[in-house]
Amino acid sequence: MSSNHEAHWKDTSRLTVITLLLWFFFSIVVHAFGSSLNSISFLGFPLGYYMAGQGSLLAFVIMIFWTSSRQEKIDEKHGFDEKD
């Protein structure tokens, strides 16, 4: 494998690990502390409700677009973009 392929794979692997860590945080960690977040109120509702019920969903949607954007930049950097 050429060094360009190796550098591309290294950057892609790093992005994958970051994305998985963010996914873990928003799918497991936030929900694990949801009950302790319920002691704080936001618009009259427990904060844990917003963070677990809606905040995580918003975070996942943002992560999809962010990951896609970052992967496109990595592909362009290493000459694997689809713009021809």
PDB file of N, CA and C in Angstrom:
ATOM      1  N   MET A   1       0.852  -1.175   0.000  1.00  0.00           N
ATOM      2  CA  MET A   1       0.000   0.000   0.000  1.00  0.00           C
ATOM      3  C   MET A   1       0.901   1.242   0.000  1.00  0.00           C
ATOM      4  N   SER A   2       0.531   2.240  -0.814  1.00  0.00           N
ATOM      5  CA  SER A   2       1.356   3.443  -0.895  1.00  0.00           C
ATOM      6  C   SER A   2       1.202   4.282   0.374  1.00  0.00           C
ATOM      7  N   SER A   3       2.130   5.203   0.541  1.00  0.00           N
ATOM      8  CA  SER A   3       2.085   6.033   1.751  1.00  0.00           C
ATOM      9  C   SER A   3       0.864   6.946   1.750  1.00  0.00           C
ATOM     10  N   ASN A   4       0.384   7.329   0.549  1.00  0.00           N
ATOM     11  CA  ASN A   4      -0.823   8.158   0.482  1.00  0.00           C
ATOM     12  C   ASN A   4      -2.039   7.381   0.994  1.00  0.00           C
ATOM     13  N   HIS A   5      -2.125   6.111   0.617  1.00  0.00           N
ATOM     14  CA  HIS A   5      -3.214   5.263   1.120  1.00  0.00           C
ATOM     15  C   HIS A   5      -3.107   5.092   2.639  1.00  0.00           C
ATOM     16  N   GLU A   6      -1.897   4.913   3.128  1.00  0.00           N
ATOM     17  CA  GLU A   6      -1.700   4.741   4.569  1.00  0.00           C
ATOM     18  C   GLU A   6      -2.069   6.009   5.333  1.00  0.00           C
ATOM     19  N   ALA A   7      -1.691   7.171   4.791  1.00  0.00           N
ATOM     20  CA  ALA A   7      -2.037   8.436   5.447  1.00  0.00           C
ATOM     21  C   ALA A   7      -3.544   8.658   5.424  1.00  0.00           C
ATOM     22  N   HIS A   8      -4.171   8.307   4.305  1.00  0.00           N
ATOM     23  CA  HIS A   8      -5.631   8.430   4.204  1.00  0.00           C
ATOM     24  C   HIS A   8      -6.309   7.524   5.225  1.00  0.00           C
ATOM     25  N   TRP A   9      -5.834   6.285   5.326  1.00  0.00           N
ATOM     26  CA  TRP A   9      -6.421   5.342   6.269  1.00  0.00           C
ATOM     27  C   TRP A   9      -6.203   5.799   7.712  1.00  0.00           C
ATOM     28  N   LYS A  10      -5.036   6.369   7.999  1.00  0.00           N
ATOM     29  CA  LYS A  10      -4.753   6.864   9.352  1.00  0.00           C
ATOM     30  C   LYS A  10      -5.722   7.991   9.715  1.00  0.00           C
ATOM     31  N   ASP A  11      -5.923   8.939   8.809  1.00  0.00           N
ATOM     32  CA  ASP A  11      -6.855  10.042   9.077  1.00  0.00           C
ATOM     33  C   ASP A  11      -8.293   9.547   9.202  1.00  0.00           C
ATOM     34  N   THR A  12      -8.668   8.603   8.332  1.00  0.00           N
ATOM     35  CA  THR A  12     -10.025   8.049   8.390  1.00  0.00           C
ATOM     36  C   THR A  12     -10.240   7.267   9.675  1.00  0.00           C
ATOM     37  N   SER A  13      -9.232   6.512  10.090  1.00  0.00           N
ATOM     38  CA  SER A  13      -9.337   5.752  11.347  1.00  0.00           C
ATOM     39  C   SER A  13      -9.481   6.691  12.539  1.00  0.00           C
ATOM     40  N   ARG A  14      -8.725   7.779  12.542  1.00  0.00           N
ATOM     41  CA  ARG A  14      -8.817   8.758  13.629  1.00  0.00           C
ATOM     42  C   ARG A  14     -10.225   9.362  13.675  1.00  0.00           C
ATOM     43  N   LEU A  15     -10.767   9.707  12.519  1.00  0.00           N
ATOM     44  CA  LEU A  15     -12.121  10.256  12.469  1.00  0.00           C
ATOM     45  C   LEU A  15     -13.136   9.237  12.977  1.00  0.00           C
ATOM     46  N   THR A  16     -12.964   7.979  12.617  1.00  0.00           N
ATOM     47  CA  THR A  16     -13.869   6.925  13.065  1.00  0.00           C
ATOM     48  C   THR A  16     -13.838   6.781  14.582  1.00  0.00           C
ATOM     49  N   VAL A  17     -12.656   6.804  15.167  1.00  0.00           N
ATOM     50  CA  VAL A  17     -12.531   6.682  16.623  1.00  0.00           C
ATOM     51  C   VAL A  17     -13.193   7.872  17.317  1.00  0.00           C
ATOM     52  N   ILE A  18     -12.971   9.082  16.817  1.00  0.00           N
ATOM     53  CA  ILE A  18     -13.591  10.269  17.409  1.00  0.00           C
ATOM     54  C   ILE A  18     -15.101  10.177  17.316  1.00  0.00           C
ATOM     55  N   THR A  19     -15.608   9.760  16.157  1.00  0.00           N
ATOM     56  CA  THR A  19     -17.052   9.626  15.973  1.00  0.00           C
ATOM     57  C   THR A  19     -17.635   8.580  16.918  1.00  0.00           C
ATOM     58  N   LEU A  20     -16.955   7.465  17.075  1.00  0.00           N
ATOM     59  CA  LEU A  20     -17.444   6.421  17.983  1.00  0.00           C
ATOM     60  C   LEU A  20     -17.421   6.871  19.438  1.00  0.00           C
ATOM     61  N   LEU A  21     -16.411   7.641  19.818  1.00  0.00           N
ATOM     62  CA  LEU A  21     -16.364   8.172  21.188  1.00  0.00           C
ATOM     63  C   LEU A  21     -17.506   9.154  21.436  1.00  0.00           C
ATOM     64  N   LEU A  22     -17.774  10.011  20.459  1.00  0.00           N
ATOM     65  CA  LEU A  22     -18.905  10.930  20.594  1.00  0.00           C
ATOM     66  C   LEU A  22     -20.225  10.169  20.659  1.00  0.00           C
ATOM     67  N   TRP A  23     -20.361   9.158  19.807  1.00  0.00           N
ATOM     68  CA  TRP A  23     -21.576   8.339  19.820  1.00  0.00           C
ATOM     69  C   TRP A  23     -21.744   7.674  21.188  1.00  0.00           C
ATOM     70  N   PHE A  24     -20.672   7.119  21.733  1.00  0.00           N
ATOM     71  CA  PHE A  24     -20.727   6.481  23.046  1.00  0.00           C
ATOM     72  C   PHE A  24     -21.164   7.480  24.108  1.00  0.00           C
ATOM     73  N   PHE A  25     -20.589   8.678  24.070  1.00  0.00           N
ATOM     74  CA  PHE A  25     -20.933   9.688  25.058  1.00  0.00           C
ATOM     75  C   PHE A  25     -22.413  10.035  24.997  1.00  0.00           C
ATOM     76  N   PHE A  26     -22.925  10.316  23.805  1.00  0.00           N
ATOM     77  CA  PHE A  26     -24.315  10.758  23.685  1.00  0.00           C
ATOM     78  C   PHE A  26     -25.326   9.622  23.794  1.00  0.00           C
ATOM     79  N   SER A  27     -24.903   8.375  23.593  1.00  0.00           N
ATOM     80  CA  SER A  27     -25.860   7.277  23.706  1.00  0.00           C
ATOM     81  C   SER A  27     -25.800   6.557  25.048  1.00  0.00           C
ATOM     82  N   ILE A  28     -24.669   6.572  25.727  1.00  0.00           N
ATOM     83  CA  ILE A  28     -24.532   5.843  26.984  1.00  0.00           C
ATOM     84  C   ILE A  28     -24.347   6.789  28.171  1.00  0.00           C
ATOM     85  N   VAL A  29     -23.358   7.647  28.100  1.00  0.00           N
ATOM     86  CA  VAL A  29     -22.998   8.484  29.242  1.00  0.00           C
ATOM     87  C   VAL A  29     -24.126   9.448  29.607  1.00  0.00           C
ATOM     88  N   VAL A  30     -24.671  10.132  28.629  1.00  0.00           N
ATOM     89  CA  VAL A  30     -25.753  11.088  28.906  1.00  0.00           C
ATOM     90  C   VAL A  30     -26.941  10.377  29.540  1.00  0.00           C
ATOM     91  N   HIS A  31     -27.277   9.216  29.022  1.00  0.00           N
ATOM     92  CA  HIS A  31     -28.426   8.477  29.569  1.00  0.00           C
ATOM     93  C   HIS A  31     -28.126   7.902  30.954  1.00  0.00           C
ATOM     94  N   ALA A  32     -26.871   7.556  31.209  1.00  0.00           N
ATOM     95  CA  ALA A  32     -26.505   7.019  32.522  1.00  0.00           C
ATOM     96  C   ALA A  32     -26.673   8.061  33.620  1.00  0.00           C
ATOM     97  N   PHE A  33     -26.467   9.327  33.278  1.00  0.00           N
ATOM     98  CA  PHE A  33     -26.595  10.397  34.271  1.00  0.00           C
ATOM     99  C   PHE A  33     -27.906  11.157  34.131  1.00  0.00           C
ATOM    100  N   GLY A  34     -28.844  10.614  33.379  1.00  0.00           N
ATOM    101  CA  GLY A  34     -30.132  11.277  33.170  1.00  0.00           C
ATOM    102  C   GLY A  34     -30.893  11.530  34.455  1.00  0.00           C
ATOM    103  N   SER A  35     -30.865  10.580  35.367  1.00  0.00           N
ATOM    104  CA  SER A  35     -31.618  10.760  36.614  1.00  0.00           C
ATOM    105  C   SER A  35     -31.026  11.874  37.478  1.00  0.00           C
ATOM    106  N   SER A  36     -29.700  12.012  37.481  1.00  0.00           N
ATOM    107  CA  SER A  36     -29.104  13.093  38.265  1.00  0.00           C
ATOM    108  C   SER A  36     -29.319  14.445  37.587  1.00  0.00           C
ATOM    109  N   LEU A  37     -29.472  14.454  36.265  1.00  0.00           N
ATOM    110  CA  LEU A  37     -29.771  15.701  35.561  1.00  0.00           C
ATOM    111  C   LEU A  37     -31.204  16.163  35.803  1.00  0.00           C
ATOM    112  N   ASN A  38     -32.060  15.238  36.238  1.00  0.00           N
ATOM    113  CA  ASN A  38     -33.465  15.586  36.465  1.00  0.00           C
ATOM    114  C   ASN A  38     -33.653  16.542  37.638  1.00  0.00           C
ATOM    115  N   SER A  39     -32.631  16.720  38.461  1.00  0.00           N
ATOM    116  CA  SER A  39     -32.750  17.672  39.569  1.00  0.00           C
ATOM    117  C   SER A  39     -32.717  19.118  39.061  1.00  0.00           C
ATOM    118  N   ILE A  40     -32.274  19.301  37.816  1.00  0.00           N
ATOM    119  CA  ILE A  40     -32.250  20.632  37.197  1.00  0.00           C
ATOM    120  C   ILE A  40     -33.457  20.744  36.278  1.00  0.00           C
ATOM    121  N   SER A  41     -34.107  21.873  36.313  1.00  0.00           N
ATOM    122  CA  SER A  41     -35.307  22.085  35.513  1.00  0.00           C
ATOM    123  C   SER A  41     -35.002  23.004  34.335  1.00  0.00           C
ATOM    124  N   PHE A  42     -35.602  22.703  33.168  1.00  0.00           N
ATOM    125  CA  PHE A  42     -35.467  23.529  31.966  1.00  0.00           C
ATOM    126  C   PHE A  42     -36.851  23.702  31.357  1.00  0.00           C
ATOM    127  N   LEU A  43     -37.356  24.922  31.355  1.00  0.00           N
ATOM    128  CA  LEU A  43     -38.713  25.238  30.880  1.00  0.00           C
ATOM    129  C   LEU A  43     -39.778  24.417  31.602  1.00  0.00           C
ATOM    130  N   GLY A  44     -39.532  24.149  32.861  1.00  0.00           N
ATOM    131  CA  GLY A  44     -40.499  23.422  33.668  1.00  0.00           C
ATOM    132  C   GLY A  44     -40.410  21.914  33.562  1.00  0.00           C
ATOM    133  N   PHE A  45     -39.506  21.408  32.756  1.00  0.00           N
ATOM    134  CA  PHE A  45     -39.333  19.965  32.602  1.00  0.00           C
ATOM    135  C   PHE A  45     -37.939  19.577  33.085  1.00  0.00           C
ATOM    136  N   PRO A  46     -37.763  18.320  33.512  1.00  0.00           N
ATOM    137  CA  PRO A  46     -36.440  17.872  33.970  1.00  0.00           C
ATOM    138  C   PRO A  46     -35.403  17.929  32.843  1.00  0.00           C
ATOM    139  N   LEU A  47     -34.196  18.388  33.159  1.00  0.00           N
ATOM    140  CA  LEU A  47     -33.144  18.509  32.152  1.00  0.00           C
ATOM    141  C   LEU A  47     -32.772  17.154  31.562  1.00  0.00           C
ATOM    142  N   GLY A  48     -32.841  16.104  32.347  1.00  0.00           N
ATOM    143  CA  GLY A  48     -32.542  14.766  31.849  1.00  0.00           C
ATOM    144  C   GLY A  48     -33.445  14.371  30.694  1.00  0.00           C
ATOM    145  N   TYR A  49     -34.685  14.817  30.716  1.00  0.00           N
ATOM    146  CA  TYR A  49     -35.627  14.546  29.627  1.00  0.00           C
ATOM    147  C   TYR A  49     -35.109  15.150  28.327  1.00  0.00           C
ATOM    148  N   TYR A  50     -34.682  16.411  28.376  1.00  0.00           N
ATOM    149  CA  TYR A  50     -34.196  17.070  27.170  1.00  0.00           C
ATOM    150  C   TYR A  50     -32.884  16.458  26.684  1.00  0.00           C
ATOM    151  N   MET A  51     -31.987  16.198  27.602  1.00  0.00           N
ATOM    152  CA  MET A  51     -30.681  15.667  27.207  1.00  0.00           C
ATOM    153  C   MET A  51     -30.799  14.251  26.642  1.00  0.00           C
ATOM    154  N   ALA A  52     -31.579  13.415  27.283  1.00  0.00           N
ATOM    155  CA  ALA A  52     -31.691  12.029  26.839  1.00  0.00           C
ATOM    156  C   ALA A  52     -32.674  11.878  25.687  1.00  0.00           C
ATOM    157  N   GLY A  53     -33.778  12.583  25.767  1.00  0.00           N
ATOM    158  CA  GLY A  53     -34.825  12.399  24.770  1.00  0.00           C
ATOM    159  C   GLY A  53     -34.613  13.167  23.487  1.00  0.00           C
ATOM    160  N   GLN A  54     -34.106  14.376  23.597  1.00  0.00           N
ATOM    161  CA  GLN A  54     -34.002  15.207  22.408  1.00  0.00           C
ATOM    162  C   GLN A  54     -32.577  15.668  22.139  1.00  0.00           C
ATOM    163  N   GLY A  55     -31.811  15.903  23.161  1.00  0.00           N
ATOM    164  CA  GLY A  55     -30.432  16.351  22.970  1.00  0.00           C
ATOM    165  C   GLY A  55     -29.575  15.309  22.271  1.00  0.00           C
ATOM    166  N   SER A  56     -29.753  14.051  22.629  1.00  0.00           N
ATOM    167  CA  SER A  56     -28.978  12.990  21.991  1.00  0.00           C
ATOM    168  C   SER A  56     -29.345  12.852  20.520  1.00  0.00           C
ATOM    169  N   LEU A  57     -30.629  12.950  20.208  1.00  0.00           N
ATOM    170  CA  LEU A  57     -31.044  12.854  18.808  1.00  0.00           C
ATOM    171  C   LEU A  57     -30.458  13.988  17.986  1.00  0.00           C
ATOM    172  N   LEU A  58     -30.481  15.186  18.526  1.00  0.00           N
ATOM    173  CA  LEU A  58     -29.896  16.330  17.836  1.00  0.00           C
ATOM    174  C   LEU A  58     -28.393  16.135  17.662  1.00  0.00           C
ATOM    175  N   ALA A  59     -27.748  15.628  18.690  1.00  0.00           N
ATOM    176  CA  ALA A  59     -26.301  15.378  18.615  1.00  0.00           C
ATOM    177  C   ALA A  59     -25.984  14.350  17.528  1.00  0.00           C
ATOM    178  N   PHE A  60     -26.802  13.305  17.384  1.00  0.00           N
ATOM    179  CA  PHE A  60     -26.557  12.290  16.364  1.00  0.00           C
ATOM    180  C   PHE A  60     -26.696  12.871  14.958  1.00  0.00           C
ATOM    181  N   VAL A  61     -27.694  13.705  14.745  1.00  0.00           N
ATOM    182  CA  VAL A  61     -27.882  14.327  13.428  1.00  0.00           C
ATOM    183  C   VAL A  61     -26.702  15.243  13.105  1.00  0.00           C
ATOM    184  N   ILE A  62     -26.282  16.030  14.079  1.00  0.00           N
ATOM    185  CA  ILE A  62     -25.123  16.906  13.878  1.00  0.00           C
ATOM    186  C   ILE A  62     -23.872  16.074  13.604  1.00  0.00           C
ATOM    187  N   MET A  63     -23.715  14.955  14.316  1.00  0.00           N
ATOM    188  CA  MET A  63     -22.553  14.092  14.111  1.00  0.00           C
ATOM    189  C   MET A  63     -22.525  13.514  12.698  1.00  0.00           C
ATOM    190  N   ILE A  64     -23.680  13.169  12.141  1.00  0.00           N
ATOM    191  CA  ILE A  64     -23.731  12.626  10.780  1.00  0.00           C
ATOM    192  C   ILE A  64     -23.176  13.632   9.789  1.00  0.00           C
ATOM    193  N   PHE A  65     -23.671  14.878   9.870  1.00  0.00           N
ATOM    194  CA  PHE A  65     -23.207  15.897   8.940  1.00  0.00           C
ATOM    195  C   PHE A  65     -21.748  16.273   9.178  1.00  0.00           C
ATOM    196  N   TRP A  66     -21.338  16.343  10.438  1.00  0.00           N
ATOM    197  CA  TRP A  66     -19.951  16.669  10.771  1.00  0.00           C
ATOM    198  C   TRP A  66     -19.001  15.589  10.257  1.00  0.00           C
ATOM    199  N   THR A  67     -19.332  14.323  10.509  1.00  0.00           N
ATOM    200  CA  THR A  67     -18.478  13.217  10.072  1.00  0.00           C
ATOM    201  C   THR A  67     -18.373  13.185   8.553  1.00  0.00           C
ATOM    202  N   SER A  68     -19.493  13.380   7.878  1.00  0.00           N
ATOM    203  CA  SER A  68     -19.490  13.394   6.415  1.00  0.00           C
ATOM    204  C   SER A  68     -18.606  14.519   5.879  1.00  0.00           C
ATOM    205  N   SER A  69     -18.737  15.690   6.472  1.00  0.00           N
ATOM    206  CA  SER A  69     -17.939  16.835   6.051  1.00  0.00           C
ATOM    207  C   SER A  69     -16.454  16.585   6.274  1.00  0.00           C
ATOM    208  N   ARG A  70     -16.114  16.071   7.441  1.00  0.00           N
ATOM    209  CA  ARG A  70     -14.705  15.790   7.745  1.00  0.00           C
ATOM    210  C   ARG A  70     -14.139  14.717   6.813  1.00  0.00           C
ATOM    211  N   GLN A  71     -14.934  13.688   6.507  1.00  0.00           N
ATOM    212  CA  GLN A  71     -14.448  12.628   5.622  1.00  0.00           C
ATOM    213  C   GLN A  71     -14.221  13.166   4.210  1.00  0.00           C
ATOM    214  N   GLU A  72     -15.086  14.053   3.749  1.00  0.00           N
ATOM    215  CA  GLU A  72     -14.879  14.673   2.438  1.00  0.00           C
ATOM    216  C   GLU A  72     -13.578  15.467   2.413  1.00  0.00           C
ATOM    217  N   LYS A  73     -13.280  16.195   3.502  1.00  0.00           N
ATOM    218  CA  LYS A  73     -12.031  16.953   3.569  1.00  0.00           C
ATOM    219  C   LYS A  73     -10.819  16.022   3.578  1.00  0.00           C
ATOM    220  N   ILE A  74     -10.933  14.907   4.285  1.00  0.00           N
ATOM    221  CA  ILE A  74      -9.847  13.930   4.306  1.00  0.00           C
ATOM    222  C   ILE A  74      -9.639  13.348   2.905  1.00  0.00           C
ATOM    223  N   ASP A  75     -10.733  13.003   2.233  1.00  0.00           N
ATOM    224  CA  ASP A  75     -10.636  12.460   0.880  1.00  0.00           C
ATOM    225  C   ASP A  75      -9.995  13.459  -0.080  1.00  0.00           C
ATOM    226  N   GLU A  76     -10.396  14.722   0.005  1.00  0.00           N
ATOM    227  CA  GLU A  76      -9.810  15.759  -0.849  1.00  0.00           C
ATOM    228  C   GLU A  76      -8.326  15.942  -0.553  1.00  0.00           C
ATOM    229  N   LYS A  77      -7.974  15.913   0.709  1.00  0.00           N
ATOM    230  CA  LYS A  77      -6.582  16.096   1.118  1.00  0.00           C
ATOM    231  C   LYS A  77      -5.674  15.035   0.518  1.00  0.00           C
ATOM    232  N   HIS A  78      -6.181  13.809   0.417  1.00  0.00           N
ATOM    233  CA  HIS A  78      -5.366  12.698  -0.061  1.00  0.00           C
ATOM    234  C   HIS A  78      -5.646  12.325  -1.516  1.00  0.00           C
ATOM    235  N   GLY A  79      -6.471  13.124  -2.202  1.00  0.00           N
ATOM    236  CA  GLY A  79      -6.720  12.886  -3.615  1.00  0.00           C
ATOM    237  C   GLY A  79      -7.720  11.789  -3.921  1.00  0.00           C
ATOM    238  N   PHE A  80      -8.621  11.508  -3.004  1.00  0.00           N
ATOM    239  CA  PHE A  80      -9.632  10.491  -3.224  1.00  0.00           C
ATOM    240  C   PHE A  80     -11.030  11.082  -3.363  1.00  0.00           C
ATOM    241  N   ASP A  81     -11.099  12.395  -3.605  1.00  0.00           N
ATOM    242  CA  ASP A  81     -12.410  13.026  -3.709  1.00  0.00           C
ATOM    243  C   ASP A  81     -13.090  12.617  -5.013  1.00  0.00           C
ATOM    244  N   GLU A  82     -14.391  12.825  -5.065  1.00  0.00           N
ATOM    245  CA  GLU A  82     -15.183  12.400  -6.226  1.00  0.00           C
ATOM    246  C   GLU A  82     -15.496  13.556  -7.156  1.00  0.00           C
ATOM    247  N   LYS A  83     -14.795  14.655  -7.034  1.00  0.00           N
ATOM    248  CA  LYS A  83     -15.041  15.824  -7.881  1.00  0.00           C
ATOM    249  C   LYS A  83     -14.183  15.736  -9.133  1.00  0.00           C
ATOM    250  N   ASP A  84     -14.764  15.247 -10.199  1.00  0.00           N
ATOM    251  CA  ASP A  84     -14.054  15.172 -11.485  1.00  0.00           C
ATOM    252  C   ASP A  84     -14.901  15.712 -12.603  1.00  0.00           C
TER     253      ASP A  84
END
